[in-house]
Amino acid sequence: LLDVPGKEGGWPVMRAMNVFVLPGIPQFFRFKIDAIAEHFVVGTVRHFTRQVALRLGEDPLVPTINEIVKKHAKVTIGSYPFLEGEARTVVTFEGGEEDREQVMSA
């Protein structure tokens, strides 16, 4: 349990290793997010994500995805098949600030 500086006697923030445990009630959730961001997170990291939903199944996409992975080595790329719905596969592209152009162009 972590006491929030300047809020002695209030509800502490619960953390297990690198995971913060948050309440489910929206106004308490917002209060805890603000406290965590202000007092317990050091620095900021911009993260970029792009998702592409496709009507094709995952198997025929694998060669193309593998080529994209080779061209954009700093970008984390994942493909997720869906058995129901219009989208059959969702491909995600993720990276940090320095990889923004690659994430957006992959």
PDB file of N, CA and C in Angstrom:
ATOM      1  N   LEU A   1       0.838  -1.187   0.000  1.00  0.00           N
ATOM      2  CA  LEU A   1       0.000   0.000   0.000  1.00  0.00           C
ATOM      3  C   LEU A   1       0.880   1.246   0.000  1.00  0.00           C
ATOM      4  N   LEU A   2       0.494   2.213  -0.805  1.00  0.00           N
ATOM      5  CA  LEU A   2       1.250   3.460  -0.917  1.00  0.00           C
ATOM      6  C   LEU A   2       0.377   4.619  -0.481  1.00  0.00           C
ATOM      7  N   ASP A   3       0.863   5.401   0.482  1.00  0.00           N
ATOM      8  CA  ASP A   3       0.129   6.604   0.872  1.00  0.00           C
ATOM      9  C   ASP A   3       0.330   7.679  -0.177  1.00  0.00           C
ATOM     10  N   VAL A   4      -0.733   8.386  -0.512  1.00  0.00           N
ATOM     11  CA  VAL A   4      -0.667   9.476  -1.479  1.00  0.00           C
ATOM     12  C   VAL A   4      -0.146  10.715  -0.748  1.00  0.00           C
ATOM     13  N   PRO A   5       0.975  11.289  -1.193  1.00  0.00           N
ATOM     14  CA  PRO A   5       1.509  12.481  -0.525  1.00  0.00           C
ATOM     15  C   PRO A   5       0.472  13.602  -0.464  1.00  0.00           C
ATOM     16  N   GLY A   6       0.363  14.217   0.719  1.00  0.00           N
ATOM     17  CA  GLY A   6      -0.588  15.309   0.899  1.00  0.00           C
ATOM     18  C   GLY A   6      -2.011  14.846   1.136  1.00  0.00           C
ATOM     19  N   LYS A   7      -2.243  13.557   1.156  1.00  0.00           N
ATOM     20  CA  LYS A   7      -3.597  13.015   1.361  1.00  0.00           C
ATOM     21  C   LYS A   7      -3.588  12.017   2.519  1.00  0.00           C
ATOM     22  N   GLU A   8      -2.833  12.338   3.567  1.00  0.00           N
ATOM     23  CA  GLU A   8      -2.734  11.438   4.710  1.00  0.00           C
ATOM     24  C   GLU A   8      -4.128  11.161   5.273  1.00  0.00           C
ATOM     25  N   GLY A   9      -4.358   9.917   5.643  1.00  0.00           N
ATOM     26  CA  GLY A   9      -5.652   9.527   6.177  1.00  0.00           C
ATOM     27  C   GLY A   9      -6.635   9.111   5.101  1.00  0.00           C
ATOM     28  N   GLY A  10      -6.296   9.353   3.826  1.00  0.00           N
ATOM     29  CA  GLY A  10      -7.161   8.944   2.720  1.00  0.00           C
ATOM     30  C   GLY A  10      -6.882   7.502   2.334  1.00  0.00           C
ATOM     31  N   TRP A  11      -7.567   7.037   1.334  1.00  0.00           N
ATOM     32  CA  TRP A  11      -7.347   5.669   0.871  1.00  0.00           C
ATOM     33  C   TRP A  11      -5.982   5.569   0.225  1.00  0.00           C
ATOM     34  N   PRO A  12      -5.198   4.591   0.625  1.00  0.00           N
ATOM     35  CA  PRO A  12      -3.898   4.412  -0.030  1.00  0.00           C
ATOM     36  C   PRO A  12      -4.076   3.817  -1.421  1.00  0.00           C
ATOM     37  N   VAL A  13      -3.034   3.897  -2.205  1.00  0.00           N
ATOM     38  CA  VAL A  13      -3.010   3.275  -3.529  1.00  0.00           C
ATOM     39  C   VAL A  13      -2.432   1.873  -3.340  1.00  0.00           C
ATOM     40  N   MET A  14      -3.097   0.878  -3.912  1.00  0.00           N
ATOM     41  CA  MET A  14      -2.615  -0.492  -3.797  1.00  0.00           C
ATOM     42  C   MET A  14      -1.843  -0.858  -5.060  1.00  0.00           C
ATOM     43  N   ARG A  15      -0.632  -1.393  -4.837  1.00  0.00           N
ATOM     44  CA  ARG A  15       0.200  -1.810  -5.965  1.00  0.00           C
ATOM     45  C   ARG A  15       0.788  -3.186  -5.657  1.00  0.00           C
ATOM     46  N   ALA A  16       0.714  -4.073  -6.620  1.00  0.00           N
ATOM     47  CA  ALA A  16       1.336  -5.388  -6.527  1.00  0.00           C
ATOM     48  C   ALA A  16       2.381  -5.458  -7.634  1.00  0.00           C
ATOM     49  N   MET A  17       3.662  -5.377  -7.260  1.00  0.00           N
ATOM     50  CA  MET A  17       4.772  -5.323  -8.207  1.00  0.00           C
ATOM     51  C   MET A  17       4.600  -4.084  -9.101  1.00  0.00           C
ATOM     52  N   ASN A  18       4.367  -4.273 -10.410  1.00  0.00           N
ATOM     53  CA  ASN A  18       4.205  -3.121 -11.297  1.00  0.00           C
ATOM     54  C   ASN A  18       2.753  -2.935 -11.737  1.00  0.00           C
ATOM     55  N   VAL A  19       1.804  -3.494 -10.974  1.00  0.00           N
ATOM     56  CA  VAL A  19       0.389  -3.401 -11.304  1.00  0.00           C
ATOM     57  C   VAL A  19      -0.335  -2.638 -10.204  1.00  0.00           C
ATOM     58  N   PHE A  20      -1.048  -1.587 -10.586  1.00  0.00           N
ATOM     59  CA  PHE A  20      -1.863  -0.839  -9.641  1.00  0.00           C
ATOM     60  C   PHE A  20      -3.262  -1.453  -9.612  1.00  0.00           C
ATOM     61  N   VAL A  21      -3.811  -1.638  -8.410  1.00  0.00           N
ATOM     62  CA  VAL A  21      -5.159  -2.175  -8.242  1.00  0.00           C
ATOM     63  C   VAL A  21      -6.102  -0.988  -8.076  1.00  0.00           C
ATOM     64  N   LEU A  22      -7.117  -0.911  -8.938  1.00  0.00           N
ATOM     65  CA  LEU A  22      -7.996   0.256  -8.977  1.00  0.00           C
ATOM     66  C   LEU A  22      -9.433  -0.116  -8.628  1.00  0.00           C
ATOM     67  N   PRO A  23     -10.173   0.831  -8.023  1.00  0.00           N
ATOM     68  CA  PRO A  23     -11.583   0.577  -7.701  1.00  0.00           C
ATOM     69  C   PRO A  23     -12.452   0.601  -8.950  1.00  0.00           C
ATOM     70  N   GLY A  24     -13.597  -0.078  -8.893  1.00  0.00           N
ATOM     71  CA  GLY A  24     -14.497  -0.150 -10.039  1.00  0.00           C
ATOM     72  C   GLY A  24     -15.497   0.989 -10.134  1.00  0.00           C
ATOM     73  N   ILE A  25     -15.675   1.756  -9.085  1.00  0.00           N
ATOM     74  CA  ILE A  25     -16.616   2.874  -9.107  1.00  0.00           C
ATOM     75  C   ILE A  25     -15.960   4.042  -9.845  1.00  0.00           C
ATOM     76  N   PRO A  26     -16.599   4.540 -10.921  1.00  0.00           N
ATOM     77  CA  PRO A  26     -15.946   5.513 -11.812  1.00  0.00           C
ATOM     78  C   PRO A  26     -15.322   6.723 -11.113  1.00  0.00           C
ATOM     79  N   GLN A  27     -16.014   7.371 -10.178  1.00  0.00           N
ATOM     80  CA  GLN A  27     -15.420   8.565  -9.558  1.00  0.00           C
ATOM     81  C   GLN A  27     -14.214   8.221  -8.680  1.00  0.00           C
ATOM     82  N   PHE A  28     -14.216   7.049  -8.034  1.00  0.00           N
ATOM     83  CA  PHE A  28     -13.056   6.634  -7.246  1.00  0.00           C
ATOM     84  C   PHE A  28     -11.913   6.211  -8.168  1.00  0.00           C
ATOM     85  N   PHE A  29     -12.272   5.550  -9.270  1.00  0.00           N
ATOM     86  CA  PHE A  29     -11.284   5.150 -10.277  1.00  0.00           C
ATOM     87  C   PHE A  29     -10.540   6.381 -10.785  1.00  0.00           C
ATOM     88  N   ARG A  30     -11.268   7.434 -11.172  1.00  0.00           N
ATOM     89  CA  ARG A  30     -10.669   8.670 -11.688  1.00  0.00           C
ATOM     90  C   ARG A  30      -9.743   9.293 -10.647  1.00  0.00           C
ATOM     91  N   PHE A  31     -10.174   9.325  -9.382  1.00  0.00           N
ATOM     92  CA  PHE A  31      -9.359   9.890  -8.312  1.00  0.00           C
ATOM     93  C   PHE A  31      -8.038   9.127  -8.197  1.00  0.00           C
ATOM     94  N   LYS A  32      -8.104   7.803  -8.232  1.00  0.00           N
ATOM     95  CA  LYS A  32      -6.892   6.996  -8.091  1.00  0.00           C
ATOM     96  C   LYS A  32      -5.977   7.140  -9.313  1.00  0.00           C
ATOM     97  N   ILE A  33      -6.552   7.183 -10.507  1.00  0.00           N
ATOM     98  CA  ILE A  33      -5.733   7.377 -11.717  1.00  0.00           C
ATOM     99  C   ILE A  33      -4.983   8.704 -11.620  1.00  0.00           C
ATOM    100  N   ASP A  34      -5.681   9.758 -11.213  1.00  0.00           N
ATOM    101  CA  ASP A  34      -5.028  11.068 -11.075  1.00  0.00           C
ATOM    102  C   ASP A  34      -3.908  11.016 -10.044  1.00  0.00           C
ATOM    103  N   ALA A  35      -4.146  10.355  -8.906  1.00  0.00           N
ATOM    104  CA  ALA A  35      -3.130  10.258  -7.850  1.00  0.00           C
ATOM    105  C   ALA A  35      -1.923   9.460  -8.335  1.00  0.00           C
ATOM    106  N   ILE A  36      -2.163   8.357  -9.035  1.00  0.00           N
ATOM    107  CA  ILE A  36      -1.070   7.534  -9.542  1.00  0.00           C
ATOM    108  C   ILE A  36      -0.248   8.320 -10.560  1.00  0.00           C
ATOM    109  N   ALA A  37      -0.923   8.987 -11.482  1.00  0.00           N
ATOM    110  CA  ALA A  37      -0.221   9.757 -12.514  1.00  0.00           C
ATOM    111  C   ALA A  37       0.609  10.874 -11.903  1.00  0.00           C
ATOM    112  N   GLU A  38       0.081  11.518 -10.875  1.00  0.00           N
ATOM    113  CA  GLU A  38       0.775  12.654 -10.268  1.00  0.00           C
ATOM    114  C   GLU A  38       1.937  12.242  -9.372  1.00  0.00           C
ATOM    115  N   HIS A  39       1.797  11.128  -8.639  1.00  0.00           N
ATOM    116  CA  HIS A  39       2.763  10.810  -7.589  1.00  0.00           C
ATOM    117  C   HIS A  39       3.595   9.551  -7.802  1.00  0.00           C
ATOM    118  N   PHE A  40       3.150   8.629  -8.633  1.00  0.00           N
ATOM    119  CA  PHE A  40       3.829   7.341  -8.693  1.00  0.00           C
ATOM    120  C   PHE A  40       4.346   6.947 -10.071  1.00  0.00           C
ATOM    121  N   VAL A  41       4.081   7.727 -11.095  1.00  0.00           N
ATOM    122  CA  VAL A  41       4.578   7.430 -12.431  1.00  0.00           C
ATOM    123  C   VAL A  41       5.694   8.419 -12.742  1.00  0.00           C
ATOM    124  N   VAL A  42       6.846   7.898 -13.100  1.00  0.00           N
ATOM    125  CA  VAL A  42       8.002   8.747 -13.378  1.00  0.00           C
ATOM    126  C   VAL A  42       8.144   8.887 -14.887  1.00  0.00           C
ATOM    127  N   GLY A  43       8.105  10.118 -15.362  1.00  0.00           N
ATOM    128  CA  GLY A  43       8.269  10.375 -16.787  1.00  0.00           C
ATOM    129  C   GLY A  43       7.027   9.998 -17.579  1.00  0.00           C
ATOM    130  N   THR A  44       7.056  10.321 -18.842  1.00  0.00           N
ATOM    131  CA  THR A  44       5.960   9.957 -19.718  1.00  0.00           C
ATOM    132  C   THR A  44       6.519   9.266 -20.946  1.00  0.00           C
ATOM    133  N   VAL A  45       5.812   8.298 -21.415  1.00  0.00           N
ATOM    134  CA  VAL A  45       6.216   7.567 -22.606  1.00  0.00           C
ATOM    135  C   VAL A  45       5.048   7.618 -23.574  1.00  0.00           C
ATOM    136  N   ARG A  46       5.297   8.157 -24.747  1.00  0.00           N
ATOM    137  CA  ARG A  46       4.253   8.161 -25.770  1.00  0.00           C
ATOM    138  C   ARG A  46       4.316   6.835 -26.500  1.00  0.00           C
ATOM    139  N   HIS A  47       3.166   6.271 -26.690  1.00  0.00           N
ATOM    140  CA  HIS A  47       3.057   4.967 -27.324  1.00  0.00           C
ATOM    141  C   HIS A  47       2.055   5.088 -28.461  1.00  0.00           C
ATOM    142  N   PHE A  48       2.402   4.559 -29.608  1.00  0.00           N
ATOM    143  CA  PHE A  48       1.520   4.642 -30.764  1.00  0.00           C
ATOM    144  C   PHE A  48       1.043   3.251 -31.154  1.00  0.00           C
ATOM    145  N   THR A  49      -0.240   3.164 -31.427  1.00  0.00           N
ATOM    146  CA  THR A  49      -0.857   1.901 -31.831  1.00  0.00           C
ATOM    147  C   THR A  49      -1.736   2.149 -33.042  1.00  0.00           C
ATOM    148  N   ARG A  50      -1.674   1.217 -33.954  1.00  0.00           N
ATOM    149  CA  ARG A  50      -2.544   1.269 -35.129  1.00  0.00           C
ATOM    150  C   ARG A  50      -3.137  -0.124 -35.295  1.00  0.00           C
ATOM    151  N   GLN A  51      -4.433  -0.188 -35.566  1.00  0.00           N
ATOM    152  CA  GLN A  51      -5.095  -1.469 -35.804  1.00  0.00           C
ATOM    153  C   GLN A  51      -5.731  -1.458 -37.185  1.00  0.00           C
ATOM    154  N   VAL A  52      -5.606  -2.584 -37.870  1.00  0.00           N
ATOM    155  CA  VAL A  52      -6.215  -2.735 -39.179  1.00  0.00           C
ATOM    156  C   VAL A  52      -7.105  -3.975 -39.115  1.00  0.00           C
ATOM    157  N   ALA A  53      -8.409  -3.792 -39.361  1.00  0.00           N
ATOM    158  CA  ALA A  53      -9.351  -4.904 -39.375  1.00  0.00           C
ATOM    159  C   ALA A  53      -9.533  -5.376 -40.812  1.00  0.00           C
ATOM    160  N   LEU A  54      -9.388  -6.673 -41.014  1.00  0.00           N
ATOM    161  CA  LEU A  54      -9.443  -7.246 -42.359  1.00  0.00           C
ATOM    162  C   LEU A  54     -10.512  -8.332 -42.452  1.00  0.00           C
ATOM    163  N   ARG A  55     -11.068  -8.486 -43.633  1.00  0.00           N
ATOM    164  CA  ARG A  55     -12.080  -9.524 -43.864  1.00  0.00           C
ATOM    165  C   ARG A  55     -11.461 -10.875 -44.218  1.00  0.00           C
ATOM    166  N   LEU A  56     -10.157 -10.927 -44.357  1.00  0.00           N
ATOM    167  CA  LEU A  56      -9.453 -12.174 -44.670  1.00  0.00           C
ATOM    168  C   LEU A  56      -9.124 -12.929 -43.389  1.00  0.00           C
ATOM    169  N   GLY A  57      -9.069 -14.251 -43.488  1.00  0.00           N
ATOM    170  CA  GLY A  57      -8.591 -15.054 -42.372  1.00  0.00           C
ATOM    171  C   GLY A  57      -7.102 -14.821 -42.165  1.00  0.00           C
ATOM    172  N   GLU A  58      -6.590 -15.263 -41.039  1.00  0.00           N
ATOM    173  CA  GLU A  58      -5.193 -15.007 -40.698  1.00  0.00           C
ATOM    174  C   GLU A  58      -4.205 -15.781 -41.588  1.00  0.00           C
ATOM    175  N   ASP A  59      -4.491 -17.028 -41.905  1.00  0.00           N
ATOM    176  CA  ASP A  59      -3.530 -17.866 -42.647  1.00  0.00           C
ATOM    177  C   ASP A  59      -3.043 -17.251 -43.953  1.00  0.00           C
ATOM    178  N   PRO A  60      -3.918 -16.750 -44.834  1.00  0.00           N
ATOM    179  CA  PRO A  60      -3.394 -16.181 -46.084  1.00  0.00           C
ATOM    180  C   PRO A  60      -2.606 -14.883 -45.881  1.00  0.00           C
ATOM    181  N   LEU A  61      -2.732 -14.258 -44.706  1.00  0.00           N
ATOM    182  CA  LEU A  61      -2.037 -12.999 -44.431  1.00  0.00           C
ATOM    183  C   LEU A  61      -0.618 -13.200 -43.904  1.00  0.00           C
ATOM    184  N   VAL A  62      -0.306 -14.394 -43.437  1.00  0.00           N
ATOM    185  CA  VAL A  62       0.981 -14.628 -42.769  1.00  0.00           C
ATOM    186  C   VAL A  62       2.185 -14.222 -43.618  1.00  0.00           C
ATOM    187  N   PRO A  63       2.281 -14.581 -44.893  1.00  0.00           N
ATOM    188  CA  PRO A  63       3.463 -14.152 -45.673  1.00  0.00           C
ATOM    189  C   PRO A  63       3.591 -12.623 -45.751  1.00  0.00           C
ATOM    190  N   THR A  64       2.481 -11.934 -45.929  1.00  0.00           N
ATOM    191  CA  THR A  64       2.514 -10.472 -46.006  1.00  0.00           C
ATOM    192  C   THR A  64       2.910  -9.875 -44.665  1.00  0.00           C
ATOM    193  N   ILE A  65       2.345 -10.398 -43.586  1.00  0.00           N
ATOM    194  CA  ILE A  65       2.693  -9.913 -42.242  1.00  0.00           C
ATOM    195  C   ILE A  65       4.178 -10.136 -41.981  1.00  0.00           C
ATOM    196  N   ASN A  66       4.704 -11.288 -42.362  1.00  0.00           N
ATOM    197  CA  ASN A  66       6.130 -11.565 -42.158  1.00  0.00           C
ATOM    198  C   ASN A  66       7.016 -10.581 -42.923  1.00  0.00           C
ATOM    199  N   GLU A  67       6.620 -10.184 -44.126  1.00  0.00           N
ATOM    200  CA  GLU A  67       7.378  -9.188 -44.886  1.00  0.00           C
ATOM    201  C   GLU A  67       7.345  -7.827 -44.188  1.00  0.00           C
ATOM    202  N   ILE A  68       6.191  -7.462 -43.663  1.00  0.00           N
ATOM    203  CA  ILE A  68       6.063  -6.188 -42.941  1.00  0.00           C
ATOM    204  C   ILE A  68       6.947  -6.206 -41.692  1.00  0.00           C
ATOM    205  N   VAL A  69       6.980  -7.340 -40.994  1.00  0.00           N
ATOM    206  CA  VAL A  69       7.829  -7.472 -39.802  1.00  0.00           C
ATOM    207  C   VAL A  69       9.292  -7.248 -40.175  1.00  0.00           C
ATOM    208  N   LYS A  70       9.742  -7.811 -41.285  1.00  0.00           N
ATOM    209  CA  LYS A  70      11.135  -7.637 -41.726  1.00  0.00           C
ATOM    210  C   LYS A  70      11.448  -6.175 -42.026  1.00  0.00           C
ATOM    211  N   LYS A  71      10.512  -5.455 -42.637  1.00  0.00           N
ATOM    212  CA  LYS A  71      10.737  -4.060 -43.030  1.00  0.00           C
ATOM    213  C   LYS A  71      10.643  -3.091 -41.848  1.00  0.00           C
ATOM    214  N   HIS A  72       9.929  -3.479 -40.804  1.00  0.00           N
ATOM    215  CA  HIS A  72       9.691  -2.583 -39.668  1.00  0.00           C
ATOM    216  C   HIS A  72      10.084  -3.290 -38.367  1.00  0.00           C
ATOM    217  N   ALA A  73      11.370  -3.559 -38.217  1.00  0.00           N
ATOM    218  CA  ALA A  73      11.867  -4.361 -37.097  1.00  0.00           C
ATOM    219  C   ALA A  73      11.606  -3.742 -35.722  1.00  0.00           C
ATOM    220  N   LYS A  74      11.516  -2.417 -35.635  1.00  0.00           N
ATOM    221  CA  LYS A  74      11.310  -1.775 -34.341  1.00  0.00           C
ATOM    222  C   LYS A  74       9.841  -1.739 -33.915  1.00  0.00           C
ATOM    223  N   VAL A  75       8.949  -2.130 -34.802  1.00  0.00           N
ATOM    224  CA  VAL A  75       7.516  -2.087 -34.525  1.00  0.00           C
ATOM    225  C   VAL A  75       7.055  -3.472 -34.072  1.00  0.00           C
ATOM    226  N   THR A  76       6.282  -3.515 -32.994  1.00  0.00           N
ATOM    227  CA  THR A  76       5.691  -4.772 -32.541  1.00  0.00           C
ATOM    228  C   THR A  76       4.423  -5.008 -33.349  1.00  0.00           C
ATOM    229  N   ILE A  77       4.357  -6.153 -33.991  1.00  0.00           N
ATOM    230  CA  ILE A  77       3.234  -6.458 -34.876  1.00  0.00           C
ATOM    231  C   ILE A  77       2.569  -7.740 -34.390  1.00  0.00           C
ATOM    232  N   GLY A  78       1.257  -7.699 -34.283  1.00  0.00           N
ATOM    233  CA  GLY A  78       0.509  -8.875 -33.865  1.00  0.00           C
ATOM    234  C   GLY A  78      -0.702  -9.080 -34.755  1.00  0.00           C
ATOM    235  N   SER A  79      -1.101 -10.330 -34.940  1.00  0.00           N
ATOM    236  CA  SER A  79      -2.320 -10.601 -35.706  1.00  0.00           C
ATOM    237  C   SER A  79      -3.238 -11.452 -34.843  1.00  0.00           C
ATOM    238  N   TYR A  80      -4.523 -11.129 -34.902  1.00  0.00           N
ATOM    239  CA  TYR A  80      -5.503 -11.751 -34.030  1.00  0.00           C
ATOM    240  C   TYR A  80      -6.701 -12.207 -34.854  1.00  0.00           C
ATOM    241  N   PRO A  81      -6.894 -13.531 -34.961  1.00  0.00           N
ATOM    242  CA  PRO A  81      -8.022 -14.035 -35.743  1.00  0.00           C
ATOM    243  C   PRO A  81      -9.335 -13.954 -34.965  1.00  0.00           C
ATOM    244  N   PHE A  82     -10.431 -13.771 -35.682  1.00  0.00           N
ATOM    245  CA  PHE A  82     -11.773 -13.755 -35.105  1.00  0.00           C
ATOM    246  C   PHE A  82     -12.619 -14.769 -35.862  1.00  0.00           C
ATOM    247  N   LEU A  83     -13.387 -15.538 -35.123  1.00  0.00           N
ATOM    248  CA  LEU A  83     -14.222 -16.559 -35.749  1.00  0.00           C
ATOM    249  C   LEU A  83     -15.596 -16.023 -36.130  1.00  0.00           C
ATOM    250  N   GLU A  84     -15.998 -14.929 -35.520  1.00  0.00           N
ATOM    251  CA  GLU A  84     -17.312 -14.349 -35.790  1.00  0.00           C
ATOM    252  C   GLU A  84     -17.163 -12.874 -36.124  1.00  0.00           C
ATOM    253  N   GLY A  85     -18.144 -12.334 -36.825  1.00  0.00           N
ATOM    254  CA  GLY A  85     -18.140 -10.912 -37.150  1.00  0.00           C
ATOM    255  C   GLY A  85     -17.576 -10.646 -38.531  1.00  0.00           C
ATOM    256  N   GLU A  86     -17.668  -9.390 -38.935  1.00  0.00           N
ATOM    257  CA  GLU A  86     -17.219  -8.994 -40.274  1.00  0.00           C
ATOM    258  C   GLU A  86     -15.700  -9.076 -40.416  1.00  0.00           C
ATOM    259  N   ALA A  87     -14.982  -8.615 -39.383  1.00  0.00           N
ATOM    260  CA  ALA A  87     -13.512  -8.677 -39.416  1.00  0.00           C
ATOM    261  C   ALA A  87     -13.073 -10.086 -39.056  1.00  0.00           C
ATOM    262  N   ARG A  88     -12.257 -10.684 -39.896  1.00  0.00           N
ATOM    263  CA  ARG A  88     -11.758 -12.041 -39.639  1.00  0.00           C
ATOM    264  C   ARG A  88     -10.379 -12.019 -38.974  1.00  0.00           C
ATOM    265  N   THR A  89      -9.632 -10.928 -39.207  1.00  0.00           N
ATOM    266  CA  THR A  89      -8.305 -10.772 -38.609  1.00  0.00           C
ATOM    267  C   THR A  89      -8.087  -9.299 -38.293  1.00  0.00           C
ATOM    268  N   VAL A  90      -7.518  -9.022 -37.120  1.00  0.00           N
ATOM    269  CA  VAL A  90      -7.104  -7.665 -36.772  1.00  0.00           C
ATOM    270  C   VAL A  90      -5.588  -7.701 -36.608  1.00  0.00           C
ATOM    271  N   VAL A  91      -4.903  -6.814 -37.317  1.00  0.00           N
ATOM    272  CA  VAL A  91      -3.443  -6.713 -37.234  1.00  0.00           C
ATOM    273  C   VAL A  91      -3.130  -5.427 -36.476  1.00  0.00           C
ATOM    274  N   THR A  92      -2.262  -5.541 -35.461  1.00  0.00           N
ATOM    275  CA  THR A  92      -1.897  -4.368 -34.665  1.00  0.00           C
ATOM    276  C   THR A  92      -0.429  -4.019 -34.904  1.00  0.00           C
ATOM    277  N   PHE A  93      -0.140  -2.724 -34.834  1.00  0.00           N
ATOM    278  CA  PHE A  93       1.212  -2.182 -34.984  1.00  0.00           C
ATOM    279  C   PHE A  93       1.449  -1.270 -33.790  1.00  0.00           C
ATOM    280  N   GLU A  94       2.512  -1.520 -33.023  1.00  0.00           N
ATOM    281  CA  GLU A  94       2.781  -0.738 -31.818  1.00  0.00           C
ATOM    282  C   GLU A  94       4.240  -0.335 -31.741  1.00  0.00           C
ATOM    283  N   GLY A  95       4.474   0.864 -31.202  1.00  0.00           N
ATOM    284  CA  GLY A  95       5.840   1.322 -31.009  1.00  0.00           C
ATOM    285  C   GLY A  95       5.867   2.608 -30.195  1.00  0.00           C
ATOM    286  N   GLY A  96       7.056   3.001 -29.795  1.00  0.00           N
ATOM    287  CA  GLY A  96       7.237   4.215 -29.021  1.00  0.00           C
ATOM    288  C   GLY A  96       7.360   5.440 -29.912  1.00  0.00           C
ATOM    289  N   GLU A  97       7.619   6.577 -29.292  1.00  0.00           N
ATOM    290  CA  GLU A  97       7.722   7.861 -29.992  1.00  0.00           C
ATOM    291  C   GLU A  97       8.708   7.782 -31.158  1.00  0.00           C
ATOM    292  N   GLU A  98       9.859   7.145 -30.927  1.00  0.00           N
ATOM    293  CA  GLU A  98      10.877   7.080 -31.968  1.00  0.00           C
ATOM    294  C   GLU A  98      10.460   6.188 -33.140  1.00  0.00           C
ATOM    295  N   ASP A  99       9.424   5.367 -32.934  1.00  0.00           N
ATOM    296  CA  ASP A  99       8.957   4.456 -33.987  1.00  0.00           C
ATOM    297  C   ASP A  99       7.649   4.916 -34.624  1.00  0.00           C
ATOM    298  N   ARG A 100       7.217   6.128 -34.303  1.00  0.00           N
ATOM    299  CA  ARG A 100       5.906   6.607 -34.747  1.00  0.00           C
ATOM    300  C   ARG A 100       5.717   6.490 -36.263  1.00  0.00           C
ATOM    301  N   GLU A 101       6.686   6.966 -37.031  1.00  0.00           N
ATOM    302  CA  GLU A 101       6.547   6.918 -38.497  1.00  0.00           C
ATOM    303  C   GLU A 101       6.406   5.496 -39.002  1.00  0.00           C
ATOM    304  N   GLN A 102       7.205   4.588 -38.415  1.00  0.00           N
ATOM    305  CA  GLN A 102       7.104   3.188 -38.843  1.00  0.00           C
ATOM    306  C   GLN A 102       5.751   2.585 -38.470  1.00  0.00           C
ATOM    307  N   VAL A 103       5.238   2.912 -37.282  1.00  0.00           N
ATOM    308  CA  VAL A 103       3.928   2.391 -36.860  1.00  0.00           C
ATOM    309  C   VAL A 103       2.850   2.869 -37.806  1.00  0.00           C
ATOM    310  N   MET A 104       2.884   4.130 -38.151  1.00  0.00           N
ATOM    311  CA  MET A 104       1.828   4.695 -38.984  1.00  0.00           C
ATOM    312  C   MET A 104       1.939   4.291 -40.448  1.00  0.00           C
ATOM    313  N   SER A 105       3.146   3.917 -40.898  1.00  0.00           N
ATOM    314  CA  SER A 105       3.308   3.565 -42.308  1.00  0.00           C
ATOM    315  C   SER A 105       3.291   2.058 -42.570  1.00  0.00           C
ATOM    316  N   ALA A 106       3.383   1.270 -41.514  1.00  0.00           N
ATOM    317  CA  ALA A 106       3.437  -0.201 -41.690  1.00  0.00           C
ATOM    318  C   ALA A 106       2.117  -0.724 -42.243  1.00  0.00           C
TER     319      ALA A 106
END
